[in-house]
């Protein structure tokens, strides 16, 4: 497959996972009575587009230019795009979001990626286990949420 098409596929997957993560974070914050201040739909789509492009470009560079035998050693390099995404969201929601919202957004996206990957590989039990464990963690976090956001 052409390298540009691969980049666009990675970008689309990153964008969808990031957009769904923002929606899930908004739902979670409304459940725990924390007002997650979001920009307008257009602004949030633009932020997610830029952030997902950073994530996709990082993954694309890793897959395209690192030899397959060295790929597992190069995976920690993906923390740089994740850090850049965290900075993008913190900068665009400077007054509205704390570090916890940024962390939760990235956690939601990571869990969505894990679940999507395990479903794509046919590991349905693993996907359910990941979802249940993450749900349990969110439930525990919700019990302490009042103290965290105050």
Protein backbone atom coordinates (compact mmCIF):
# COMPACT_ATOMS: atom_id res chain seq x y z
CA UNK A 1 0.00 0.00 0.00
CA UNK A 2 1.24 3.50 -0.74
CA UNK A 3 2.79 5.29 2.26
CA UNK A 4 0.42 8.25 2.00
CA UNK A 5 -2.61 5.96 2.11
CA UNK A 6 -1.21 4.25 5.20
CA UNK A 7 -0.78 7.65 6.86
CA UNK A 8 -4.37 8.62 6.00
CA UNK A 9 -5.67 5.31 7.43
CA UNK A 10 -3.69 5.86 10.64
CA UNK A 11 -5.00 9.43 10.80
CA UNK A 12 -8.60 8.28 10.34
CA UNK A 13 -8.25 5.64 13.05
CA UNK A 14 -6.60 8.11 15.43
CA UNK A 15 -9.25 10.74 14.70
CA UNK A 16 -12.15 8.36 15.31
CA UNK A 17 -10.63 7.04 18.53
CA UNK A 18 -9.88 10.55 19.78
CA UNK A 19 -13.34 11.85 18.89
CA UNK A 20 -15.02 8.90 20.60
CA UNK A 21 -12.72 9.40 23.61
CA UNK A 22 -13.84 13.05 23.89
CA UNK A 23 -17.49 12.00 23.73
CA UNK A 24 -16.97 9.26 26.34
CA UNK A 25 -15.07 11.67 28.59
CA UNK A 26 -17.93 14.14 28.31
CA UNK A 27 -20.44 11.42 29.24
CA UNK A 28 -18.28 10.25 32.15
CA UNK A 29 -17.84 13.79 33.45
CA UNK A 30 -21.58 14.42 33.27
CA UNK A 31 -22.22 11.19 35.21
CA UNK A 32 -19.95 12.32 38.03
CA UNK A 33 -21.38 15.86 37.93
CA UNK A 34 -18.23 17.49 36.63
CA UNK A 35 -18.81 20.00 33.86
CA UNK A 36 -16.37 19.23 31.06
CA UNK A 37 -16.09 22.47 29.18
CA UNK A 38 -15.81 21.79 25.47
CA UNK A 39 -15.40 24.28 22.66
CA UNK A 40 -17.87 24.28 19.81
CA UNK A 41 -18.19 21.21 17.61
CA UNK A 42 -16.07 22.75 14.87
CA UNK A 43 -13.31 23.74 17.27
CA UNK A 44 -13.26 20.32 18.92
CA UNK A 45 -13.14 18.62 15.52
CA UNK A 46 -10.22 20.84 14.50
CA UNK A 47 -8.37 20.12 17.75
CA UNK A 48 -8.98 16.39 17.36
CA UNK A 49 -7.88 16.59 13.71
CA UNK A 50 -4.56 18.20 14.53
CA UNK A 51 -3.95 15.97 17.56
CA UNK A 52 -4.82 12.81 15.65
CA UNK A 53 -2.51 13.86 12.81
CA UNK A 54 0.34 14.10 15.33
CA UNK A 55 -0.47 10.62 16.64
CA UNK A 56 -0.82 9.15 13.17
CA UNK A 57 2.39 10.74 11.94
CA UNK A 58 4.28 9.34 14.92
CA UNK A 59 2.97 5.84 14.30
CA UNK A 60 3.53 6.13 10.55
CA UNK A 61 7.14 7.25 11.01
CA UNK A 62 7.75 4.39 13.38
CA UNK A 63 6.22 1.75 11.09
CA UNK A 64 7.71 3.09 7.85
CA UNK A 65 11.26 3.85 8.89
CA UNK A 66 12.13 1.44 11.70
CA UNK A 67 13.13 -2.06 10.62
CA UNK A 68 10.57 -4.68 11.59
CA UNK A 69 13.07 -6.51 13.82
CA UNK A 70 13.66 -3.33 15.85
CA UNK A 71 10.01 -2.26 16.06
CA UNK A 72 9.38 -3.52 19.59
CA UNK A 73 12.36 -1.52 20.87
CA UNK A 74 11.12 1.64 19.17
CA UNK A 75 7.59 1.58 20.63
CA UNK A 76 8.53 3.88 23.57
CA UNK A 77 9.13 6.58 20.93
CA UNK A 78 5.33 6.80 20.64
CA UNK A 79 5.25 8.60 23.99
CA UNK A 80 6.43 11.77 22.24
CA UNK A 81 3.30 12.09 20.06
CA UNK A 82 1.13 11.28 23.09
CA UNK A 83 2.89 14.03 25.05
CA UNK A 84 2.37 16.46 22.16
CA UNK A 85 -1.34 15.58 22.08
CA UNK A 86 -1.56 16.21 25.82
CA UNK A 87 0.09 19.61 25.32
CA UNK A 88 -2.30 20.43 22.46
CA UNK A 89 -5.35 19.64 24.56
CA UNK A 90 -3.95 21.45 27.61
CA UNK A 91 -3.14 24.52 25.52
CA UNK A 92 -6.55 24.62 23.86
CA UNK A 93 -8.43 24.02 27.12
CA UNK A 94 -6.08 25.95 29.40
CA UNK A 95 -8.63 27.41 31.79
CA UNK A 96 -11.21 24.66 31.49
CA UNK A 97 -9.42 21.34 31.95
CA UNK A 98 -7.10 20.06 34.64
CA UNK A 99 -4.40 17.48 34.13
CA UNK A 100 -6.87 14.81 35.19
CA UNK A 101 -9.14 15.47 32.22
CA UNK A 102 -6.16 15.26 29.86
CA UNK A 103 -5.06 12.00 31.47
CA UNK A 104 -8.58 10.58 31.27
CA UNK A 105 -8.89 11.58 27.61
CA UNK A 106 -5.68 9.77 26.74
CA UNK A 107 -6.72 6.78 28.87
CA UNK A 108 -10.07 6.58 27.08
CA UNK A 109 -8.31 6.71 23.71
CA UNK A 110 -5.77 4.07 24.75
CA UNK A 111 -8.48 1.73 26.02
CA UNK A 112 -10.49 2.25 22.82
CA UNK A 113 -7.38 1.34 20.85
CA UNK A 114 -6.81 -1.78 22.94
CA UNK A 115 -10.43 -2.86 22.59
CA UNK A 116 -10.45 -2.14 18.85
CA UNK A 117 -7.20 -4.05 18.37
CA UNK A 118 -8.34 -7.06 20.33
CA UNK A 119 -11.67 -7.10 18.47
CA UNK A 120 -9.83 -6.89 15.14
CA UNK A 121 -7.73 -9.88 16.19
CA UNK A 122 -10.82 -11.82 17.24
CA UNK A 123 -10.00 -11.73 20.95
CA UNK A 124 -13.52 -10.98 22.15
CA UNK A 125 -12.94 -12.21 25.70
CA UNK A 126 -9.91 -9.98 26.07
CA UNK A 127 -11.86 -7.00 24.75
CA UNK A 128 -14.64 -7.61 27.28
CA UNK A 129 -12.11 -8.04 30.09
CA UNK A 130 -10.40 -4.76 29.20
CA UNK A 131 -13.75 -2.94 29.08
CA UNK A 132 -14.88 -4.39 32.41
CA UNK A 133 -11.58 -3.61 34.14
CA UNK A 134 -11.54 -0.05 32.81
CA UNK A 135 -15.17 0.39 33.84
CA UNK A 136 -14.29 -0.77 37.35
CA UNK A 137 -11.40 1.68 37.50
CA UNK A 138 -13.70 4.49 36.35
CA UNK A 139 -16.25 3.50 39.00
CA UNK A 140 -13.61 3.65 41.72
CA UNK A 141 -12.37 6.98 40.37
CA UNK A 142 -15.94 8.29 40.41
CA UNK A 143 -16.19 7.61 44.14
CA UNK A 144 -13.18 9.86 44.71
CA UNK A 145 -14.05 12.37 41.98
CA UNK A 146 -15.40 15.00 44.32
CA UNK A 147 -12.03 15.26 46.06
CA UNK A 148 -10.07 15.25 42.79
CA UNK A 149 -11.93 18.10 41.14
CA UNK A 150 -12.35 20.27 44.22
